[in-house]
Amino acid sequence: MARRPIRLGLFLAVPFALFLLLVSPDDEAGNVPIAVLGGLFLGLLFSVAAGAERLRQRRLRRRGLWDGRS
C-alpha cells in the first residue's frame, strides 16, 4: 500500500469527492468546488500518511528490524 503514495491518494480522492457530491444538497451552487477540494484534501492526507509509512518501512529495513514480509 505504501509503495505508491501519490497513486493511493488519487484513488481515494476521486471516490470521496463523488461521495461528497452525492450527499450534498442539490439546491446549493457551491457544492462542486467544495466536493473537489474535500476529495483533494483527503487524497493529500492519505498520500502523506502512506509516504510516512514508506519512510518508516525503509528505516526499519535499513536497521535490520524488519525483513519486508508481513
N, C-alpha and C. Protein backbone atom coordinates (compact mmCIF):
# COMPACT_ATOMS: atom_id res chain seq x y z
N MET A 1 0.82 -1.18 0.00
CA MET A 1 0.00 0.00 0.00
C MET A 1 0.87 1.26 0.00
N ALA A 2 1.96 1.25 0.68
CA ALA A 2 2.79 2.45 0.79
C ALA A 2 3.79 2.55 -0.35
N ARG A 3 3.71 1.65 -1.32
CA ARG A 3 4.69 1.66 -2.39
C ARG A 3 4.51 2.87 -3.31
N ARG A 4 3.27 3.24 -3.58
CA ARG A 4 2.99 4.39 -4.46
C ARG A 4 2.00 5.33 -3.77
N PRO A 5 2.51 6.22 -2.92
CA PRO A 5 1.61 7.04 -2.09
C PRO A 5 0.77 8.04 -2.89
N ILE A 6 1.30 8.56 -4.00
CA ILE A 6 0.53 9.53 -4.78
C ILE A 6 -0.64 8.84 -5.47
N ARG A 7 -0.40 7.66 -6.00
CA ARG A 7 -1.48 6.91 -6.65
C ARG A 7 -2.56 6.55 -5.63
N LEU A 8 -2.15 6.17 -4.45
CA LEU A 8 -3.12 5.87 -3.39
C LEU A 8 -3.98 7.08 -3.07
N GLY A 9 -3.35 8.25 -2.98
CA GLY A 9 -4.10 9.47 -2.70
C GLY A 9 -5.11 9.79 -3.79
N LEU A 10 -4.72 9.61 -5.05
CA LEU A 10 -5.66 9.87 -6.15
C LEU A 10 -6.79 8.87 -6.17
N PHE A 11 -6.48 7.61 -5.92
CA PHE A 11 -7.52 6.59 -5.91
C PHE A 11 -8.53 6.81 -4.79
N LEU A 12 -8.13 7.45 -3.72
CA LEU A 12 -9.05 7.74 -2.63
C LEU A 12 -9.73 9.10 -2.79
N ALA A 13 -9.08 10.04 -3.46
CA ALA A 13 -9.64 11.38 -3.61
C ALA A 13 -10.87 11.38 -4.52
N VAL A 14 -10.81 10.66 -5.61
CA VAL A 14 -11.91 10.68 -6.58
C VAL A 14 -13.20 10.09 -5.99
N PRO A 15 -13.18 8.90 -5.39
CA PRO A 15 -14.44 8.39 -4.82
C PRO A 15 -14.98 9.25 -3.68
N PHE A 16 -14.07 9.83 -2.89
CA PHE A 16 -14.53 10.67 -1.79
C PHE A 16 -15.19 11.94 -2.32
N ALA A 17 -14.63 12.53 -3.38
CA ALA A 17 -15.25 13.71 -3.99
C ALA A 17 -16.63 13.36 -4.56
N LEU A 18 -16.74 12.21 -5.20
CA LEU A 18 -18.04 11.78 -5.72
C LEU A 18 -19.04 11.54 -4.59
N PHE A 19 -18.56 10.97 -3.49
CA PHE A 19 -19.43 10.76 -2.34
C PHE A 19 -19.92 12.08 -1.77
N LEU A 20 -19.03 13.06 -1.68
CA LEU A 20 -19.44 14.37 -1.18
C LEU A 20 -20.48 15.02 -2.10
N LEU A 21 -20.34 14.83 -3.40
CA LEU A 21 -21.34 15.35 -4.33
C LEU A 21 -22.67 14.63 -4.16
N LEU A 22 -22.61 13.35 -3.88
CA LEU A 22 -23.83 12.56 -3.72
C LEU A 22 -24.62 12.97 -2.49
N VAL A 23 -23.95 13.24 -1.39
CA VAL A 23 -24.65 13.55 -0.14
C VAL A 23 -24.93 15.04 0.05
N SER A 24 -24.42 15.89 -0.84
CA SER A 24 -24.64 17.33 -0.68
C SER A 24 -26.04 17.70 -1.16
N PRO A 25 -26.63 18.75 -0.58
CA PRO A 25 -27.95 19.18 -1.03
C PRO A 25 -27.90 19.71 -2.46
N ASP A 26 -28.97 19.49 -3.20
CA ASP A 26 -28.98 19.85 -4.62
C ASP A 26 -29.22 21.33 -4.87
N ASP A 27 -29.73 22.07 -3.92
CA ASP A 27 -30.12 23.44 -4.17
C ASP A 27 -28.99 24.46 -3.98
N GLU A 28 -27.80 24.04 -3.59
CA GLU A 28 -26.70 24.99 -3.39
C GLU A 28 -25.76 24.95 -4.58
N ALA A 29 -25.29 26.13 -5.00
CA ALA A 29 -24.46 26.24 -6.20
C ALA A 29 -22.99 25.90 -5.95
N GLY A 30 -22.48 26.00 -4.74
CA GLY A 30 -21.06 25.80 -4.45
C GLY A 30 -20.69 24.40 -4.07
N ASN A 31 -21.48 23.41 -4.40
CA ASN A 31 -21.20 22.04 -3.96
C ASN A 31 -20.03 21.41 -4.70
N VAL A 32 -19.90 21.68 -5.98
CA VAL A 32 -18.84 21.02 -6.77
C VAL A 32 -17.45 21.44 -6.29
N PRO A 33 -17.15 22.74 -6.14
CA PRO A 33 -15.79 23.08 -5.66
C PRO A 33 -15.49 22.54 -4.26
N ILE A 34 -16.48 22.54 -3.40
CA ILE A 34 -16.26 22.03 -2.04
C ILE A 34 -16.01 20.53 -2.07
N ALA A 35 -16.74 19.81 -2.91
CA ALA A 35 -16.54 18.36 -3.02
C ALA A 35 -15.16 18.05 -3.59
N VAL A 36 -14.75 18.80 -4.61
CA VAL A 36 -13.43 18.57 -5.21
C VAL A 36 -12.32 18.89 -4.20
N LEU A 37 -12.45 20.01 -3.51
CA LEU A 37 -11.44 20.37 -2.50
C LEU A 37 -11.41 19.37 -1.35
N GLY A 38 -12.57 18.89 -0.93
CA GLY A 38 -12.62 17.87 0.12
C GLY A 38 -11.96 16.58 -0.32
N GLY A 39 -12.21 16.17 -1.56
CA GLY A 39 -11.57 14.97 -2.10
C GLY A 39 -10.07 15.13 -2.20
N LEU A 40 -9.62 16.29 -2.67
CA LEU A 40 -8.19 16.53 -2.77
C LEU A 40 -7.52 16.58 -1.40
N PHE A 41 -8.20 17.16 -0.43
CA PHE A 41 -7.65 17.19 0.93
C PHE A 41 -7.50 15.79 1.49
N LEU A 42 -8.53 14.96 1.31
CA LEU A 42 -8.43 13.59 1.82
C LEU A 42 -7.35 12.81 1.08
N GLY A 43 -7.26 13.00 -0.24
CA GLY A 43 -6.20 12.34 -1.00
C GLY A 43 -4.82 12.76 -0.56
N LEU A 44 -4.64 14.06 -0.29
CA LEU A 44 -3.36 14.55 0.20
C LEU A 44 -3.04 13.96 1.57
N LEU A 45 -4.04 13.88 2.42
CA LEU A 45 -3.84 13.31 3.75
C LEU A 45 -3.39 11.85 3.68
N PHE A 46 -4.05 11.07 2.84
CA PHE A 46 -3.67 9.66 2.70
C PHE A 46 -2.31 9.52 2.02
N SER A 47 -1.99 10.40 1.07
CA SER A 47 -0.68 10.34 0.42
C SER A 47 0.44 10.62 1.42
N VAL A 48 0.24 11.60 2.27
CA VAL A 48 1.25 11.92 3.28
C VAL A 48 1.40 10.76 4.27
N ALA A 49 0.29 10.17 4.68
CA ALA A 49 0.36 9.04 5.61
C ALA A 49 1.06 7.84 4.96
N ALA A 50 0.75 7.57 3.70
CA ALA A 50 1.40 6.45 3.01
C ALA A 50 2.89 6.73 2.79
N GLY A 51 3.23 7.97 2.48
CA GLY A 51 4.64 8.32 2.32
C GLY A 51 5.41 8.18 3.62
N ALA A 52 4.79 8.59 4.72
CA ALA A 52 5.44 8.42 6.03
C ALA A 52 5.61 6.94 6.37
N GLU A 53 4.63 6.13 6.02
CA GLU A 53 4.75 4.69 6.26
C GLU A 53 5.86 4.08 5.40
N ARG A 54 5.99 4.57 4.19
CA ARG A 54 7.06 4.08 3.32
C ARG A 54 8.42 4.42 3.90
N LEU A 55 8.58 5.64 4.41
CA LEU A 55 9.84 6.01 5.04
C LEU A 55 10.11 5.19 6.30
N ARG A 56 9.07 4.90 7.06
CA ARG A 56 9.23 4.09 8.27
C ARG A 56 9.69 2.68 7.92
N GLN A 57 9.07 2.09 6.87
CA GLN A 57 9.46 0.75 6.44
C GLN A 57 10.90 0.72 5.94
N ARG A 58 11.29 1.77 5.21
CA ARG A 58 12.66 1.84 4.70
C ARG A 58 13.65 1.92 5.86
N ARG A 59 13.32 2.71 6.88
CA ARG A 59 14.20 2.85 8.04
C ARG A 59 14.31 1.53 8.79
N LEU A 60 13.19 0.80 8.95
CA LEU A 60 13.23 -0.47 9.66
C LEU A 60 14.04 -1.51 8.90
N ARG A 61 13.93 -1.52 7.57
CA ARG A 61 14.74 -2.45 6.78
C ARG A 61 16.22 -2.11 6.90
N ARG A 62 16.54 -0.83 6.86
CA ARG A 62 17.95 -0.40 6.94
C ARG A 62 18.57 -0.80 8.28
N ARG A 63 17.79 -0.71 9.34
CA ARG A 63 18.30 -1.08 10.68
C ARG A 63 18.24 -2.58 10.94
N GLY A 64 17.62 -3.33 10.04
CA GLY A 64 17.54 -4.77 10.20
C GLY A 64 16.48 -5.24 11.15
N LEU A 65 15.50 -4.38 11.47
CA LEU A 65 14.45 -4.74 12.40
C LEU A 65 13.23 -5.37 11.71
N TRP A 66 13.18 -5.27 10.38
CA TRP A 66 12.03 -5.78 9.63
C TRP A 66 12.54 -6.28 8.29
N ASP A 67 12.05 -7.44 7.86
CA ASP A 67 12.57 -8.02 6.62
C ASP A 67 11.69 -7.70 5.40
N GLY A 68 10.59 -6.96 5.56
CA GLY A 68 9.76 -6.58 4.44
C GLY A 68 8.59 -7.51 4.18
N ARG A 69 8.52 -8.59 4.91
CA ARG A 69 7.39 -9.52 4.76
C ARG A 69 6.35 -9.22 5.84
N SER A 70 5.14 -9.55 5.55
CA SER A 70 4.05 -9.31 6.52
C SER A 70 4.29 -10.11 7.73
